[in-house]
N, C-alpha and C. Protein backbone atom coordinates (compact mmCIF):
# COMPACT_ATOMS: atom_id res chain seq x y z
N MET A 1 66.41 -156.30 -22.04
CA MET A 1 66.33 -156.77 -23.00
C MET A 1 65.10 -157.44 -23.55
N THR A 2 64.18 -157.97 -22.26
CA THR A 2 62.80 -158.31 -22.57
C THR A 2 62.02 -157.00 -22.58
N GLN A 3 62.19 -156.07 -22.39
CA GLN A 3 61.63 -154.33 -22.36
C GLN A 3 61.43 -153.80 -23.56
N GLN A 4 62.79 -154.67 -24.03
CA GLN A 4 63.36 -153.37 -25.60
C GLN A 4 62.44 -153.86 -26.49
N LYS A 5 62.35 -155.27 -26.56
CA LYS A 5 61.64 -156.01 -27.41
C LYS A 5 60.24 -155.88 -27.82
N PRO A 6 59.04 -155.72 -26.36
CA PRO A 6 58.01 -155.17 -26.51
C PRO A 6 57.85 -153.75 -27.34
N GLN A 7 59.02 -152.67 -27.15
CA GLN A 7 58.54 -151.35 -27.31
C GLN A 7 58.71 -151.12 -28.40
N GLU A 8 60.29 -151.88 -29.36
CA GLU A 8 59.78 -152.22 -30.64
C GLU A 8 58.75 -152.77 -31.60
N GLU A 9 57.88 -153.98 -30.98
CA GLU A 9 56.64 -153.84 -31.71
C GLU A 9 55.80 -153.26 -31.44
N LEU A 10 55.86 -152.04 -30.34
CA LEU A 10 54.99 -151.13 -30.60
C LEU A 10 55.14 -150.31 -31.64
N LEU A 11 56.69 -149.62 -31.82
CA LEU A 11 56.91 -149.07 -32.93
C LEU A 11 56.39 -149.46 -33.66
N SER A 12 56.64 -150.60 -34.11
CA SER A 12 55.97 -151.08 -35.16
C SER A 12 54.33 -150.93 -35.46
N SER A 13 54.14 -151.30 -34.46
CA SER A 13 52.76 -150.87 -35.18
C SER A 13 52.17 -149.36 -35.02
N LEU A 14 53.20 -148.89 -33.96
CA LEU A 14 52.78 -147.00 -34.27
C LEU A 14 52.97 -146.84 -35.38
N ILE A 15 54.13 -147.22 -36.38
CA ILE A 15 54.38 -147.01 -37.72
C ILE A 15 53.04 -147.43 -39.15
N ARG A 16 52.45 -148.71 -38.05
CA ARG A 16 51.53 -148.79 -39.43
C ARG A 16 50.54 -148.21 -39.32
N ILE A 17 49.83 -148.06 -38.26
CA ILE A 17 49.15 -146.76 -37.78
C ILE A 17 49.37 -145.37 -38.40
N ALA A 18 50.26 -144.87 -38.34
CA ALA A 18 50.67 -144.16 -39.12
C ALA A 18 50.34 -143.80 -40.60
N GLU A 19 50.98 -144.86 -41.20
CA GLU A 19 50.88 -145.54 -42.53
C GLU A 19 49.62 -145.15 -42.79
N ASN A 20 48.62 -146.09 -41.86
CA ASN A 20 47.02 -145.86 -41.90
C ASN A 20 46.52 -144.88 -41.72
N LEU A 21 46.63 -144.26 -41.23
CA LEU A 21 45.83 -142.81 -41.16
C LEU A 21 46.48 -141.99 -41.87
N ASN A 22 47.93 -141.76 -42.38
CA ASN A 22 48.29 -140.96 -43.87
C ASN A 22 47.05 -141.51 -44.93
N GLN A 23 46.99 -143.08 -45.15
CA GLN A 23 46.16 -143.39 -46.35
C GLN A 23 45.15 -142.79 -46.02
N THR A 24 44.61 -142.53 -44.99
CA THR A 24 43.27 -142.49 -44.95
C THR A 24 43.10 -140.98 -44.91
N LEU A 25 43.56 -140.26 -44.29
CA LEU A 25 43.82 -138.87 -45.04
C LEU A 25 44.09 -138.45 -46.00
N ASP A 26 44.36 -138.91 -47.13
CA ASP A 26 44.59 -139.18 -48.27
C ASP A 26 43.30 -138.83 -48.83
N GLU A 27 42.34 -140.15 -48.65
CA GLU A 27 41.32 -140.42 -49.60
C GLU A 27 40.63 -139.48 -48.45
N LEU A 28 40.69 -139.16 -47.22
CA LEU A 28 39.71 -138.11 -46.78
C LEU A 28 39.50 -136.50 -47.77
N LEU A 29 40.58 -136.18 -47.68
CA LEU A 29 41.25 -135.50 -48.82
C LEU A 29 40.64 -135.19 -50.02
N GLU A 30 40.54 -136.37 -50.75
CA GLU A 30 40.44 -136.72 -51.98
C GLU A 30 38.34 -136.34 -51.82
N VAL A 31 37.55 -137.18 -51.08
CA VAL A 31 36.47 -136.32 -51.17
C VAL A 31 36.03 -135.31 -50.95
N MET A 32 36.82 -134.95 -49.91
CA MET A 32 36.14 -133.68 -49.60
C MET A 32 36.75 -132.97 -50.67
N SER A 33 38.02 -132.66 -51.69
CA SER A 33 37.71 -132.17 -53.11
C SER A 33 36.64 -132.53 -53.70
N ASP A 34 36.07 -133.71 -54.07
CA ASP A 34 34.94 -134.22 -54.78
C ASP A 34 33.58 -133.62 -54.05
N GLN A 35 33.45 -133.16 -53.00
CA GLN A 35 32.48 -132.83 -52.74
C GLN A 35 32.34 -130.83 -52.77
N LYS A 36 33.84 -130.72 -52.98
CA LYS A 36 33.80 -129.28 -52.90
C LYS A 36 32.85 -129.29 -54.53
N ALA A 37 33.87 -130.01 -55.30
CA ALA A 37 33.16 -129.93 -57.26
C ALA A 37 31.71 -130.11 -56.84
N ALA A 38 30.53 -131.53 -56.08
CA ALA A 38 29.71 -131.19 -56.48
C ALA A 38 28.65 -130.11 -56.06
N LEU A 39 29.11 -129.81 -54.84
CA LEU A 39 27.95 -128.99 -54.56
C LEU A 39 28.25 -127.61 -55.55
N VAL A 40 29.72 -127.50 -56.15
CA VAL A 40 29.47 -126.19 -56.76
C VAL A 40 28.78 -126.05 -58.40
N SER A 41 28.76 -128.00 -58.45
CA SER A 41 27.78 -128.24 -59.40
C SER A 41 26.44 -128.22 -59.50
N SER A 42 26.06 -128.83 -58.26
CA SER A 42 24.78 -128.39 -57.11
C SER A 42 24.24 -130.13 -57.54
N ASP A 43 25.21 -131.25 -57.89
CA ASP A 43 24.65 -132.49 -57.76
C ASP A 43 24.33 -133.04 -56.78
N VAL A 44 23.05 -132.81 -56.27
CA VAL A 44 22.45 -133.14 -54.73
C VAL A 44 23.19 -134.88 -54.46
N GLU A 45 22.47 -135.67 -55.52
CA GLU A 45 23.10 -137.12 -55.42
C GLU A 45 24.55 -137.11 -54.96
N GLN A 46 25.44 -136.64 -55.95
CA GLN A 46 27.11 -136.88 -55.49
C GLN A 46 26.88 -136.04 -54.13
N VAL A 47 26.85 -135.04 -53.48
CA VAL A 47 26.97 -134.84 -52.14
C VAL A 47 26.58 -135.45 -51.10
N GLU A 48 25.13 -136.28 -51.17
CA GLU A 48 24.90 -137.57 -50.52
C GLU A 48 25.77 -138.45 -50.53
N LYS A 49 26.49 -139.16 -51.85
CA LYS A 49 26.96 -140.21 -51.48
C LYS A 49 28.59 -139.86 -51.14
N LEU A 50 29.00 -138.63 -51.08
CA LEU A 50 30.25 -138.10 -51.21
C LEU A 50 30.20 -137.62 -49.38
N THR A 51 29.08 -137.28 -48.77
CA THR A 51 28.99 -136.88 -47.32
C THR A 51 29.06 -138.32 -46.30
N GLU A 52 27.92 -139.61 -47.79
CA GLU A 52 28.36 -140.88 -47.09
C GLU A 52 29.68 -140.91 -46.63
N ALA A 53 30.76 -141.03 -48.00
CA ALA A 53 32.01 -142.04 -47.59
C ALA A 53 32.78 -140.87 -46.83
N HIS A 54 32.26 -139.60 -46.70
CA HIS A 54 32.88 -138.63 -45.79
C HIS A 54 33.12 -139.56 -44.38
N SER A 55 31.63 -139.64 -44.26
CA SER A 55 31.55 -140.00 -42.87
C SER A 55 31.88 -141.26 -42.25
N LEU A 56 32.22 -142.49 -43.74
CA LEU A 56 32.80 -143.72 -42.88
C LEU A 56 33.83 -143.26 -42.61
N LEU A 57 34.58 -142.42 -43.64
CA LEU A 57 36.12 -142.19 -43.65
C LEU A 57 36.72 -141.49 -41.87
N SER A 58 36.14 -140.55 -41.30
CA SER A 58 36.04 -140.16 -40.51
C SER A 58 36.18 -141.13 -39.28
N VAL A 59 34.98 -141.95 -39.10
CA VAL A 59 35.32 -143.29 -38.45
C VAL A 59 36.11 -143.47 -37.84
N THR A 60 36.68 -143.88 -39.20
CA THR A 60 38.17 -145.01 -39.53
C THR A 60 39.15 -144.03 -39.30
N TYR A 61 39.00 -142.68 -39.30
CA TYR A 61 40.37 -141.73 -39.11
C TYR A 61 40.46 -141.78 -37.48
N HIS A 62 39.20 -141.47 -36.71
CA HIS A 62 38.75 -141.25 -35.44
C HIS A 62 39.67 -142.33 -34.27
N ARG A 63 38.96 -144.11 -35.45
CA ARG A 63 39.25 -144.84 -34.89
C ARG A 63 40.97 -145.36 -34.78
N LEU A 64 41.42 -145.17 -35.88
CA LEU A 64 43.12 -145.36 -35.83
C LEU A 64 43.28 -144.43 -35.19
N GLU A 65 43.20 -142.97 -35.26
CA GLU A 65 43.87 -141.57 -34.11
C GLU A 65 43.79 -142.23 -32.72
N GLU A 66 42.62 -143.47 -31.98
CA GLU A 66 42.59 -143.38 -31.11
C GLU A 66 43.66 -144.60 -30.48
N ASN A 67 43.76 -145.43 -31.43
CA ASN A 67 44.58 -146.39 -31.25
C ASN A 67 46.35 -145.57 -31.50
N PHE A 68 46.33 -144.96 -32.49
CA PHE A 68 47.38 -144.66 -32.22
C PHE A 68 48.39 -143.65 -31.04
N VAL A 69 47.29 -142.65 -30.46
CA VAL A 69 47.59 -142.16 -28.99
C VAL A 69 47.44 -143.25 -27.86
N LYS A 70 46.74 -144.04 -27.90
CA LYS A 70 46.84 -145.48 -27.00
C LYS A 70 48.35 -146.34 -27.00
N ILE A 71 48.62 -146.29 -28.33
CA ILE A 71 50.16 -147.18 -28.73
C ILE A 71 51.38 -145.90 -27.71
N MET A 72 51.09 -144.45 -28.28
CA MET A 72 52.11 -143.95 -27.79
C MET A 72 52.17 -143.16 -26.64
N ARG A 73 51.05 -144.01 -25.81
CA ARG A 73 50.94 -143.71 -24.18
C ARG A 73 52.24 -144.99 -23.45
N GLU A 74 51.56 -146.29 -24.16
CA GLU A 74 52.04 -147.11 -23.83
C GLU A 74 53.83 -147.18 -23.62
N ILE A 75 53.91 -146.48 -24.94
CA ILE A 75 55.35 -146.40 -25.36
C ILE A 75 55.76 -145.38 -24.14
N LEU A 76 55.19 -144.15 -23.74
CA LEU A 76 56.04 -143.32 -23.40
C LEU A 76 55.17 -143.36 -21.75
N GLU A 77 54.79 -144.40 -21.39
CA GLU A 77 54.52 -144.58 -20.06
C GLU A 77 55.59 -144.66 -19.31
N GLY A 78 55.65 -143.40 -18.61
CA GLY A 78 56.19 -143.55 -17.65
C GLY A 78 57.75 -142.49 -17.99
N GLU A 79 57.74 -141.99 -18.96
CA GLU A 79 59.02 -141.28 -19.80
C GLU A 79 58.59 -139.72 -19.28
N THR A 80 57.12 -139.17 -19.94
CA THR A 80 56.65 -137.99 -19.62
C THR A 80 55.78 -137.90 -18.64
N ASP A 81 55.28 -136.54 -18.20
CA ASP A 81 54.05 -136.52 -17.55
C ASP A 81 52.92 -135.31 -18.36
N GLU A 82 53.64 -135.04 -19.81
CA GLU A 82 52.98 -133.95 -20.09
C GLU A 82 52.14 -134.81 -21.54
N GLU A 83 51.36 -134.12 -21.86
CA GLU A 83 50.33 -134.37 -23.06
C GLU A 83 51.40 -135.45 -23.90
N VAL A 84 51.09 -136.53 -24.32
CA VAL A 84 51.90 -137.63 -24.88
C VAL A 84 51.81 -136.45 -26.92
N ARG A 85 53.21 -136.77 -27.23
CA ARG A 85 53.85 -136.16 -28.06
C ARG A 85 54.69 -137.01 -29.07
N MET A 86 54.35 -136.71 -30.71
CA MET A 86 55.34 -137.92 -31.11
C MET A 86 57.04 -137.42 -30.85
N ALA A 87 56.86 -136.39 -31.02
CA ALA A 87 58.62 -135.61 -30.56
C ALA A 87 59.45 -136.68 -29.67
N GLY A 88 58.77 -136.95 -28.33
CA GLY A 88 58.62 -137.43 -27.34
C GLY A 88 59.16 -139.09 -27.67
N LEU A 89 58.58 -139.78 -28.59
CA LEU A 89 59.14 -140.79 -29.41
C LEU A 89 60.10 -140.85 -29.59
N ALA A 90 60.95 -140.06 -30.11
CA ALA A 90 62.81 -139.72 -30.76
C ALA A 90 63.32 -139.27 -29.89
N ASN A 91 62.80 -139.36 -28.81
CA ASN A 91 64.26 -139.69 -27.21
C ASN A 91 64.08 -141.01 -27.07
N VAL A 92 62.75 -142.03 -26.87
CA VAL A 92 62.96 -143.04 -26.64
C VAL A 92 63.80 -143.77 -27.53
N PHE A 93 63.62 -143.89 -29.01
CA PHE A 93 63.59 -144.07 -30.11
C PHE A 93 64.84 -143.52 -30.44
N PRO A 94 66.09 -143.20 -30.56
CA PRO A 94 67.08 -142.04 -31.21
C PRO A 94 67.43 -142.73 -32.52
N GLU A 95 67.65 -144.27 -32.90
CA GLU A 95 67.63 -144.72 -34.07
C GLU A 95 66.59 -144.36 -35.12
N ALA A 96 65.26 -144.40 -34.38
CA ALA A 96 63.96 -144.10 -35.45
C ALA A 96 63.85 -143.17 -35.56
N ALA A 97 64.71 -142.37 -35.37
CA ALA A 97 64.03 -140.17 -34.95
C ALA A 97 64.24 -139.68 -36.79
N ILE A 98 64.78 -140.36 -37.27
CA ILE A 98 64.25 -139.94 -38.62
C ILE A 98 63.05 -139.91 -38.99
N ILE A 99 62.27 -141.76 -38.68
CA ILE A 99 61.42 -141.68 -39.53
C ILE A 99 60.20 -140.90 -38.80
N ILE A 100 60.62 -141.00 -37.41
CA ILE A 100 59.24 -140.80 -36.87
C ILE A 100 59.04 -139.51 -36.62
N ASN A 101 60.33 -138.48 -36.91
CA ASN A 101 59.93 -137.20 -37.10
C ASN A 101 59.10 -137.17 -39.08
N THR A 102 59.52 -137.69 -39.61
CA THR A 102 59.03 -137.36 -40.89
C THR A 102 57.52 -138.23 -40.86
N TRP A 103 57.04 -139.05 -39.81
CA TRP A 103 55.39 -139.20 -40.08
C TRP A 103 55.49 -138.06 -39.38
N ARG A 104 55.60 -137.53 -38.08
CA ARG A 104 54.72 -136.60 -37.72
C ARG A 104 54.63 -135.83 -38.54
N LYS A 105 56.08 -134.89 -38.98
CA LYS A 105 55.74 -133.83 -40.03
C LYS A 105 54.76 -134.43 -40.76
N THR A 106 54.92 -134.86 -41.71
CA THR A 106 53.20 -135.69 -42.61
C THR A 106 52.46 -135.47 -42.03
N LEU A 107 52.15 -136.56 -40.84
CA LEU A 107 50.42 -136.27 -39.79
C LEU A 107 50.15 -134.88 -39.99
N VAL A 108 51.07 -134.29 -39.23
CA VAL A 108 51.14 -132.59 -39.23
C VAL A 108 50.01 -131.88 -40.07
N GLU A 109 51.63 -132.30 -41.26
CA GLU A 109 50.62 -131.23 -43.02
C GLU A 109 49.49 -131.37 -43.12
N LYS A 110 49.13 -132.93 -42.96
CA LYS A 110 47.98 -133.58 -43.63
C LYS A 110 46.59 -133.03 -43.02
N THR A 111 46.94 -133.26 -41.47
CA THR A 111 45.83 -132.60 -40.87
C THR A 111 45.39 -131.67 -40.38
N SER A 112 46.66 -130.31 -41.10
CA SER A 112 46.32 -129.52 -41.14
C SER A 112 45.54 -128.92 -42.61
N LEU A 113 45.88 -129.47 -43.52
CA LEU A 113 45.03 -129.27 -44.85
C LEU A 113 43.65 -129.98 -44.57
N LEU A 114 43.60 -130.66 -43.91
CA LEU A 114 42.52 -131.18 -43.70
C LEU A 114 41.30 -130.60 -42.76
N GLN A 115 42.17 -129.89 -42.10
CA GLN A 115 41.08 -128.90 -41.18
C GLN A 115 41.03 -127.55 -42.32
N LYS A 116 41.86 -127.09 -42.86
CA LYS A 116 41.57 -125.99 -43.84
C LYS A 116 40.58 -125.95 -44.92
N LYS A 117 40.53 -127.90 -45.73
CA LYS A 117 39.14 -128.23 -46.93
C LYS A 117 38.22 -128.45 -45.77
N GLN A 118 38.32 -128.69 -44.40
CA GLN A 118 36.81 -128.49 -43.87
C GLN A 118 36.27 -126.73 -44.09
N GLN A 119 37.05 -126.46 -43.61
CA GLN A 119 36.79 -125.10 -43.51
C GLN A 119 36.32 -124.38 -44.03
N HIS A 120 36.94 -124.62 -45.50
CA HIS A 120 36.33 -124.29 -47.12
C HIS A 120 34.99 -125.21 -47.29
N ILE A 121 35.09 -125.90 -47.04
CA ILE A 121 33.75 -126.81 -47.37
C ILE A 121 32.44 -126.03 -46.47
N ILE A 122 33.13 -125.55 -45.51
CA ILE A 122 32.03 -125.07 -44.12
C ILE A 122 31.00 -123.85 -45.19
N ASP A 123 32.68 -123.23 -45.20
CA ASP A 123 32.24 -121.57 -46.13
C ASP A 123 31.01 -121.60 -46.99
N LEU A 124 31.19 -122.87 -48.14
CA LEU A 124 30.65 -122.53 -49.25
C LEU A 124 29.14 -123.12 -49.08
N LEU A 125 29.29 -124.22 -47.94
CA LEU A 125 27.75 -124.57 -47.93
C LEU A 125 26.90 -123.55 -47.63
N GLU A 126 27.64 -122.50 -46.75
CA GLU A 126 27.18 -121.24 -45.84
C GLU A 126 26.73 -120.61 -47.13
N PHE A 127 27.45 -120.28 -48.27
CA PHE A 127 27.54 -119.48 -49.40
C PHE A 127 26.39 -120.11 -50.38
N VAL A 128 25.62 -121.67 -50.31
CA VAL A 128 25.20 -121.78 -51.26
C VAL A 128 23.62 -121.50 -50.46
N MET A 129 23.88 -122.16 -49.11
CA MET A 129 22.29 -122.12 -48.22
C MET A 129 21.79 -120.62 -48.01
N SER A 130 23.14 -119.67 -48.58
CA SER A 130 22.76 -118.17 -48.12
C SER A 130 21.74 -117.46 -50.09
N ARG A 131 22.75 -118.54 -50.75
CA ARG A 131 22.35 -118.06 -52.33
C ARG A 131 20.74 -118.72 -52.27
N ASN A 132 20.47 -120.01 -51.68
CA ASN A 132 19.41 -120.65 -52.24
C ASN A 132 18.35 -119.74 -51.21
N SER A 133 18.62 -119.09 -49.45
CA SER A 133 17.75 -118.48 -49.17
C SER A 133 17.18 -117.20 -49.88
N SER A 134 18.25 -116.21 -50.53
CA SER A 134 18.23 -115.07 -50.98
C SER A 134 17.69 -115.74 -52.42
N MET A 135 17.41 -116.57 -52.97
CA MET A 135 16.93 -116.87 -54.20
C MET A 135 15.37 -117.50 -54.32
N MET A 136 15.02 -117.87 -53.04
CA MET A 136 13.61 -118.41 -53.03
C MET A 136 13.23 -116.61 -52.55
N LYS A 137 13.70 -116.22 -51.50
CA LYS A 137 13.15 -114.50 -51.42
C LYS A 137 12.45 -114.30 -52.98
N THR A 138 13.32 -114.62 -53.60
CA THR A 138 13.29 -113.48 -54.76
C THR A 138 12.31 -114.05 -55.49
N ILE A 139 12.08 -115.37 -55.68
CA ILE A 139 11.25 -116.20 -56.68
C ILE A 139 9.52 -115.76 -55.84
N TYR A 140 9.99 -115.79 -54.68
CA TYR A 140 7.89 -115.27 -54.02
C TYR A 140 8.22 -113.59 -54.29
N SER A 141 8.65 -113.50 -54.20
CA SER A 141 8.20 -111.69 -54.68
C SER A 141 8.02 -111.43 -56.32
N LEU A 142 8.63 -112.41 -56.93
CA LEU A 142 8.40 -112.07 -58.32
C LEU A 142 7.07 -112.70 -58.57
N HIS A 143 6.32 -114.00 -57.83
CA HIS A 143 5.44 -114.66 -57.82
C HIS A 143 4.83 -113.90 -57.36
N ASN A 144 4.39 -113.56 -55.87
CA ASN A 144 3.43 -112.02 -55.36
C ASN A 144 3.19 -110.90 -56.16
N GLU A 145 4.67 -110.55 -56.70
CA GLU A 145 4.03 -109.25 -57.49
C GLU A 145 3.44 -109.86 -58.96
N LYS A 146 3.56 -110.68 -59.60
CA LYS A 146 2.56 -111.57 -60.59
C LYS A 146 1.33 -111.36 -59.97
N ASN A 147 0.99 -112.09 -59.26
CA ASN A 147 -0.38 -112.70 -58.49
C ASN A 147 -1.31 -111.24 -57.55
N THR A 148 -0.75 -110.60 -57.99
CA THR A 148 -1.40 -109.18 -57.26
C THR A 148 -2.62 -108.70 -57.65
N HIS A 149 -3.64 -107.92 -56.90
CA HIS A 149 -4.95 -107.19 -57.48
C HIS A 149 -5.20 -106.37 -56.03
N TYR A 150 -6.04 -105.27 -57.19
CA TYR A 150 -6.24 -104.77 -56.40
C TYR A 150 -7.94 -104.98 -55.72
N SER A 151 -8.52 -104.83 -54.32
CA SER A 151 -9.21 -105.40 -53.69
C SER A 151 -10.19 -104.38 -54.31
N VAL A 152 -11.75 -104.67 -54.12
CA VAL A 152 -12.57 -103.40 -54.75
C VAL A 152 -12.65 -102.06 -53.79
N THR A 153 -11.46 -102.18 -52.63
CA THR A 153 -11.50 -100.87 -51.49
C THR A 153 -10.11 -100.23 -52.55
N GLY A 154 -9.78 -100.83 -53.35
CA GLY A 154 -8.46 -99.68 -54.08
C GLY A 154 -6.97 -100.04 -53.50
N ASN A 155 -7.49 -101.21 -52.42
CA ASN A 155 -6.30 -101.78 -51.80
C ASN A 155 -5.25 -102.97 -52.15
N LYS A 156 -4.04 -102.63 -52.42
CA LYS A 156 -2.84 -104.13 -53.28
C LYS A 156 -3.22 -104.90 -52.35
N GLU A 157 -3.49 -105.90 -53.33
CA GLU A 157 -3.62 -107.73 -52.27
C GLU A 157 -2.93 -108.41 -53.20
N SER A 158 -2.35 -109.81 -52.43
CA SER A 158 -1.46 -110.63 -53.21
C SER A 158 -3.12 -112.20 -53.41
N LEU A 159 -2.90 -112.62 -54.13
CA LEU A 159 -3.38 -113.71 -54.74
C LEU A 159 -2.73 -115.16 -53.93
N VAL A 160 -3.45 -115.79 -53.03
CA VAL A 160 -3.17 -117.07 -52.54
C VAL A 160 -2.80 -117.62 -54.47
N SER A 161 -2.24 -118.84 -54.94
CA SER A 161 -2.29 -119.88 -55.93
C SER A 161 -3.51 -120.39 -55.29
N GLY A 162 -3.84 -120.73 -57.02
CA GLY A 162 -5.16 -121.51 -57.23
C GLY A 162 -6.17 -120.85 -56.87
N VAL A 163 -6.43 -119.59 -56.55
CA VAL A 163 -7.31 -118.99 -56.03
C VAL A 163 -7.91 -117.85 -56.92
N THR A 164 -9.02 -117.45 -57.74
CA THR A 164 -9.18 -116.86 -58.86
C THR A 164 -9.52 -115.16 -58.62
N VAL A 165 -9.80 -114.16 -59.07
CA VAL A 165 -9.83 -112.97 -59.39
C VAL A 165 -10.62 -112.75 -58.05
N ASN A 166 -11.83 -113.56 -59.40
CA ASN A 166 -13.63 -113.44 -58.51
C ASN A 166 -13.95 -113.56 -57.23
N GLN A 167 -12.78 -114.79 -56.78
CA GLN A 167 -13.59 -115.07 -55.16
C GLN A 167 -12.52 -114.37 -53.95
N LYS A 168 -13.17 -114.88 -53.06
CA LYS A 168 -12.75 -113.96 -51.48
C LYS A 168 -11.51 -114.58 -51.34
N ALA A 169 -10.63 -113.80 -51.25
CA ALA A 169 -8.81 -114.56 -50.84
C ALA A 169 -8.71 -115.00 -49.57
């Protein structure tokens, strides 16, 4: 009977951490949606602010995740030699199987959504960088085209900004 009580306390701790993980995942998903909007609108200050918030939430998420796995290992100690999984908790606590499976499903769905949003933001950042690179090449080409002159030998030469036509470039 004394062994059962610590297991039940561990399960309560695990459920509290699952709730915190769920809340942190919700906050991360919201920040990522805001990051996407800030990237699309090219709001650099907002992107920086949201990136900092994302970093802080990521640290919190990883800390909670480590605690979650640690408690699961304590609960399942000796139960299995395999990787620690939430599905194994339903075998240890059959009376709590419904809530364990609900949390497992919720956390799996949200982490999957988080991965998709992260990939979407990465793709968006790559697109923005590609467009900025292309735009800079176009601006540079137009600048060179406007600042081109012909040398005394008849060859086309570009002019360095700030240098007059009558000076040697």
